[in-house]
Amino acid sequence: MLEEVERWLARRSWSAADRPLDRLLAAKEQGRGSVSVVLPALDEEATVGEIVATIRRELMEKVQLVDELVVIDSGSTDATAKVAREAGARVVHRDDILPRIPAVPGKGEVLWRSLLVTGGDIVCFVDADLKDFSAGFVSGIVGPLLTDPDVRFVKAMYDRPLGDTAGQGGRVTELVARPLLNLHWPQLAGFVQPLGGEYAVRRSLLEQLPFPVGYGVELGLLVDALHTVGLDALAQVDVGVRKHRHQDGQALGRMAAAIYRTAQLRLSRGHLVRPSLTQFERGEHGFVPRTHAVDTEERPPMREIEEYVSRRAA
């Protein structure tokens, strides 16, 4: 590990307990920034309600740390939107945001569009499939942005059990993302959970960054943030244990391909020769190939979108 990264780990890695709520509230009272929490959601009726209810109860009603709580529904076929709304979130459908640009499937697409329907100086993203959710996931990663003006981007770090087995989650991180980062962006080798879906970022930085539309969004934002503001503006906070719904092996393969594609674009700004991935499923007469497109589209920095600029100026 680079000496620079070792110094960064000591200087920019914290625990959520390092910044108690009263300290964060005092910082907010000093005008350190408003906070928007965004949950991208697709068919998450089993978990989204408890996450929303916890954030509202603990961080909006008991204390006023979070100013805005928005669930972006990206086309759920279950009761995700209804459950989220009843739990206290404002729910916006992905397709209703910036309709002049047709939406494409993907998590990054939803996160990019969320900037148009939120107003916080700090935007905190939280995945909607978390189980045993704690409000510390939000307060922990928002904390450094409220108390340290030099910090611009904060990732959550945590243990990721796989079922009942400790430390075996995050398979795409260990097999794809971490090797890529260590080999090509060694300054980012200190991030425990580079692909984690819980992170908080100053809007002023987010609006400068392009957004990969799919699973590559977390790696893309992290790499581009490094090049835009430097390592010392990035940080991570330990929030404990993250439990969530795990993907099957083929879904992980598609995630891995998208992440590799995102890294490849940032290494060369070139194009994949064949932006697709073939996987195999056993059928009645043997293995059947299934080919999936690997998303190759990215959304431009939000500050280049006319509607966003007009909304911010109003």
Foldseek 3Di string as FASTA:
>chain_A
DDPLLVVLCVVFEAALVVQDPVNLLVLVVVVLKAEEEEEEDAQLLVFQLVQLLQCCVPDVPVHPRHDAYEYEYADHPDCNVVSNVVSPHHYHYLCVFPVVDGADDADLSRVQSVLLVDDIQKYKYDYRFWDPDHNSLVSSQCVCSSVPVLAFKEAEAEWEADVPRTRPPPPLCVPAVLVLCCVPPVSPNNDRCQQDRTMMGGPVLQLQAKAQRHSQRSVRSVVVCCVVRNSNNYHYYYHYYTYGDDDDPVVSVLSRLLNVLSSVCVVPVDHDPAQKDWDWDQDPVGIDIDIGGRRDDIGHRNVVPPSSVVVVVD
